[in-house]
Amino acid sequence: MKNKLKCDAYHIFFKNLANGVKIDIIATLKDEPMSVNELSKELNIEQSKLSHALANLRFCNLVMSKQVGKKRIYSLNKKTILPILKIIDKHRMSSCEGCKVGK
């Protein structure tokens, strides 16, 4: 049962990272925190689709949010996601020939 729960967590986590919209959100928030409206304009994604993706990312604590006036500002959980992105980049550069940028 313990392995089943761990496996479910892996599925949820990697499902978030396997979604193009969610990866675009993560990549955009890597540079700076943004509101939904800013993200929507930057990524050219309708707000409802973006809000749904953000809710899933927040559920796994990959993205955090805080209220600033009337805006909700989203940022990456840098403690968690930045080390993961660095590991992915390192793997891509050393072990994933088919993943090289520009190919």
C-alpha atoms as a PDB file:
ATOM      1  CA  MET A   1       0.000   0.000   0.000  1.00  0.00           C
ATOM      2  CA  LYS A   2       2.878   2.362   0.812  1.00  0.00           C
ATOM      3  CA  ASN A   3       4.405   1.874  -2.671  1.00  0.00           C
ATOM      4  CA  LYS A   4       0.978   2.493  -4.263  1.00  0.00           C
ATOM      5  CA  LEU A   5       0.710   5.873  -2.533  1.00  0.00           C
ATOM      6  CA  LYS A   6       4.248   6.785  -3.565  1.00  0.00           C
ATOM      7  CA  CYS A   7       3.503   5.714  -7.144  1.00  0.00           C
ATOM      8  CA  ASP A   8       0.320   7.829  -7.199  1.00  0.00           C
ATOM      9  CA  ALA A   9       2.343  10.840  -6.073  1.00  0.00           C
ATOM     10  CA  TYR A  10       4.846  10.209  -8.885  1.00  0.00           C
ATOM     11  CA  HIS A  11       2.032  10.029 -11.431  1.00  0.00           C
ATOM     12  CA  ILE A  12       0.514  13.305 -10.254  1.00  0.00           C
ATOM     13  CA  PHE A  13       3.895  15.056 -10.128  1.00  0.00           C
ATOM     14  CA  PHE A  14       5.080  13.919 -13.567  1.00  0.00           C
ATOM     15  CA  LYS A  15       1.646  14.459 -15.104  1.00  0.00           C
ATOM     16  CA  ASN A  16       2.028  18.119 -14.147  1.00  0.00           C
ATOM     17  CA  LEU A  17       5.451  18.254 -15.788  1.00  0.00           C
ATOM     18  CA  ALA A  18       4.246  16.429 -18.918  1.00  0.00           C
ATOM     19  CA  ASN A  19       1.722  19.122 -19.798  1.00  0.00           C
ATOM     20  CA  GLY A  20       2.897  21.766 -22.279  1.00  0.00           C
ATOM     21  CA  VAL A  21       0.867  24.596 -20.739  1.00  0.00           C
ATOM     22  CA  LYS A  22       2.152  23.809 -17.265  1.00  0.00           C
ATOM     23  CA  ILE A  23       5.753  23.623 -18.487  1.00  0.00           C
ATOM     24  CA  ASP A  24       5.289  27.008 -20.201  1.00  0.00           C
ATOM     25  CA  ILE A  25       3.969  28.432 -16.925  1.00  0.00           C
ATOM     26  CA  ILE A  26       6.932  27.029 -14.984  1.00  0.00           C
ATOM     27  CA  ALA A  27       9.422  28.340 -17.549  1.00  0.00           C
ATOM     28  CA  THR A  28       7.818  31.799 -17.504  1.00  0.00           C
ATOM     29  CA  LEU A  29       7.640  32.008 -13.714  1.00  0.00           C
ATOM     30  CA  LYS A  30      11.290  30.966 -13.523  1.00  0.00           C
ATOM     31  CA  ASP A  31      12.196  34.544 -14.485  1.00  0.00           C
ATOM     32  CA  GLU A  32       9.739  36.453 -12.290  1.00  0.00           C
ATOM     33  CA  PRO A  33       6.432  36.182 -10.402  1.00  0.00           C
ATOM     34  CA  MET A  34       3.347  37.189 -12.404  1.00  0.00           C
ATOM     35  CA  SER A  35      -0.391  37.630 -12.125  1.00  0.00           C
ATOM     36  CA  VAL A  36      -2.850  35.538 -14.128  1.00  0.00           C
ATOM     37  CA  ASN A  37      -3.407  38.438 -16.533  1.00  0.00           C
ATOM     38  CA  GLU A  38       0.339  38.861 -17.096  1.00  0.00           C
ATOM     39  CA  LEU A  39       0.807  35.120 -17.629  1.00  0.00           C
ATOM     40  CA  SER A  40      -2.174  35.009 -19.971  1.00  0.00           C
ATOM     41  CA  LYS A  41      -0.722  37.792 -22.136  1.00  0.00           C
ATOM     42  CA  GLU A  42       2.826  36.406 -22.015  1.00  0.00           C
ATOM     43  CA  LEU A  43       1.781  32.865 -22.954  1.00  0.00           C
ATOM     44  CA  ASN A  44      -1.172  33.828 -25.169  1.00  0.00           C
ATOM     45  CA  ILE A  45      -3.448  31.422 -23.274  1.00  0.00           C
ATOM     46  CA  GLU A  46      -7.043  32.094 -22.301  1.00  0.00           C
ATOM     47  CA  GLN A  47      -7.413  32.876 -18.617  1.00  0.00           C
ATOM     48  CA  SER A  48      -9.735  29.956 -17.783  1.00  0.00           C
ATOM     49  CA  LYS A  49      -7.287  27.389 -19.210  1.00  0.00           C
ATOM     50  CA  LEU A  50      -4.416  29.113 -17.413  1.00  0.00           C
ATOM     51  CA  SER A  51      -6.282  29.218 -14.092  1.00  0.00           C
ATOM     52  CA  HIS A  52      -7.037  25.486 -14.335  1.00  0.00           C
ATOM     53  CA  ALA A  53      -3.356  24.687 -14.987  1.00  0.00           C
ATOM     54  CA  LEU A  54      -2.256  26.969 -12.127  1.00  0.00           C
ATOM     55  CA  ALA A  55      -4.676  25.238  -9.739  1.00  0.00           C
ATOM     56  CA  ASN A  56      -3.076  21.863 -10.548  1.00  0.00           C
ATOM     57  CA  LEU A  57       0.426  23.266 -10.098  1.00  0.00           C
ATOM     58  CA  ARG A  58      -0.604  24.815  -6.782  1.00  0.00           C
ATOM     59  CA  PHE A  59      -2.094  21.481  -5.653  1.00  0.00           C
ATOM     60  CA  CYS A  60       1.376  19.918  -5.942  1.00  0.00           C
ATOM     61  CA  ASN A  61       3.027  23.034  -4.471  1.00  0.00           C
ATOM     62  CA  LEU A  62       5.086  23.556  -7.617  1.00  0.00           C
ATOM     63  CA  VAL A  63       3.638  27.061  -7.844  1.00  0.00           C
ATOM     64  CA  MET A  64       2.810  29.347  -4.944  1.00  0.00           C
ATOM     65  CA  SER A  65       0.446  32.319  -4.887  1.00  0.00           C
ATOM     66  CA  LYS A  66      -0.066  35.375  -2.756  1.00  0.00           C
ATOM     67  CA  GLN A  67      -2.659  38.099  -2.774  1.00  0.00           C
ATOM     68  CA  VAL A  68      -1.300  41.580  -3.562  1.00  0.00           C
ATOM     69  CA  GLY A  69      -4.148  44.072  -3.531  1.00  0.00           C
ATOM     70  CA  LYS A  70      -6.722  42.749  -5.976  1.00  0.00           C
ATOM     71  CA  LYS A  71      -4.201  40.592  -7.854  1.00  0.00           C
ATOM     72  CA  ARG A  72      -3.054  37.067  -7.101  1.00  0.00           C
ATOM     73  CA  ILE A  73       0.656  36.799  -7.878  1.00  0.00           C
ATOM     74  CA  TYR A  74       2.077  33.402  -8.830  1.00  0.00           C
ATOM     75  CA  SER A  75       5.670  32.300  -8.338  1.00  0.00           C
ATOM     76  CA  LEU A  76       7.611  29.059  -8.449  1.00  0.00           C
ATOM     77  CA  ASN A  77       8.271  27.010  -5.370  1.00  0.00           C
ATOM     78  CA  LYS A  78      11.973  27.630  -5.919  1.00  0.00           C
ATOM     79  CA  LYS A  79      13.009  25.231  -3.150  1.00  0.00           C
ATOM     80  CA  THR A  80      11.452  22.362  -5.057  1.00  0.00           C
ATOM     81  CA  ILE A  81      11.231  23.106  -8.761  1.00  0.00           C
ATOM     82  CA  LEU A  82      14.517  24.923  -9.478  1.00  0.00           C
ATOM     83  CA  PRO A  83      16.705  21.987  -8.324  1.00  0.00           C
ATOM     84  CA  ILE A  84      14.536  19.658 -10.438  1.00  0.00           C
ATOM     85  CA  LEU A  85      14.946  21.884 -13.503  1.00  0.00           C
ATOM     86  CA  LYS A  86      18.717  21.946 -12.959  1.00  0.00           C
ATOM     87  CA  ILE A  87      18.794  18.134 -12.793  1.00  0.00           C
ATOM     88  CA  ILE A  88      16.759  17.929 -16.011  1.00  0.00           C
ATOM     89  CA  ASP A  89      19.088  20.398 -17.761  1.00  0.00           C
ATOM     90  CA  LYS A  90      22.164  18.478 -16.589  1.00  0.00           C
ATOM     91  CA  HIS A  91      20.667  15.178 -17.745  1.00  0.00           C
ATOM     92  CA  ARG A  92      19.696  16.674 -21.106  1.00  0.00           C
ATOM     93  CA  MET A  93      23.215  17.989 -21.698  1.00  0.00           C
ATOM     94  CA  SER A  94      25.000  14.792 -20.710  1.00  0.00           C
ATOM     95  CA  SER A  95      22.674  11.895 -21.466  1.00  0.00           C
ATOM     96  CA  CYS A  96      19.833  12.866 -23.740  1.00  0.00           C
ATOM     97  CA  GLU A  97      21.198  13.360 -27.246  1.00  0.00           C
ATOM     98  CA  GLY A  98      17.688  13.576 -28.715  1.00  0.00           C
ATOM     99  CA  CYS A  99      16.802  16.373 -26.306  1.00  0.00           C
ATOM    100  CA  LYS A 100      19.497  18.855 -27.324  1.00  0.00           C
ATOM    101  CA  VAL A 101      18.137  22.359 -27.890  1.00  0.00           C
ATOM    102  CA  GLY A 102      17.879  23.265 -31.536  1.00  0.00           C
ATOM    103  CA  LYS A 103      17.444  19.719 -32.783  1.00  0.00           C
END
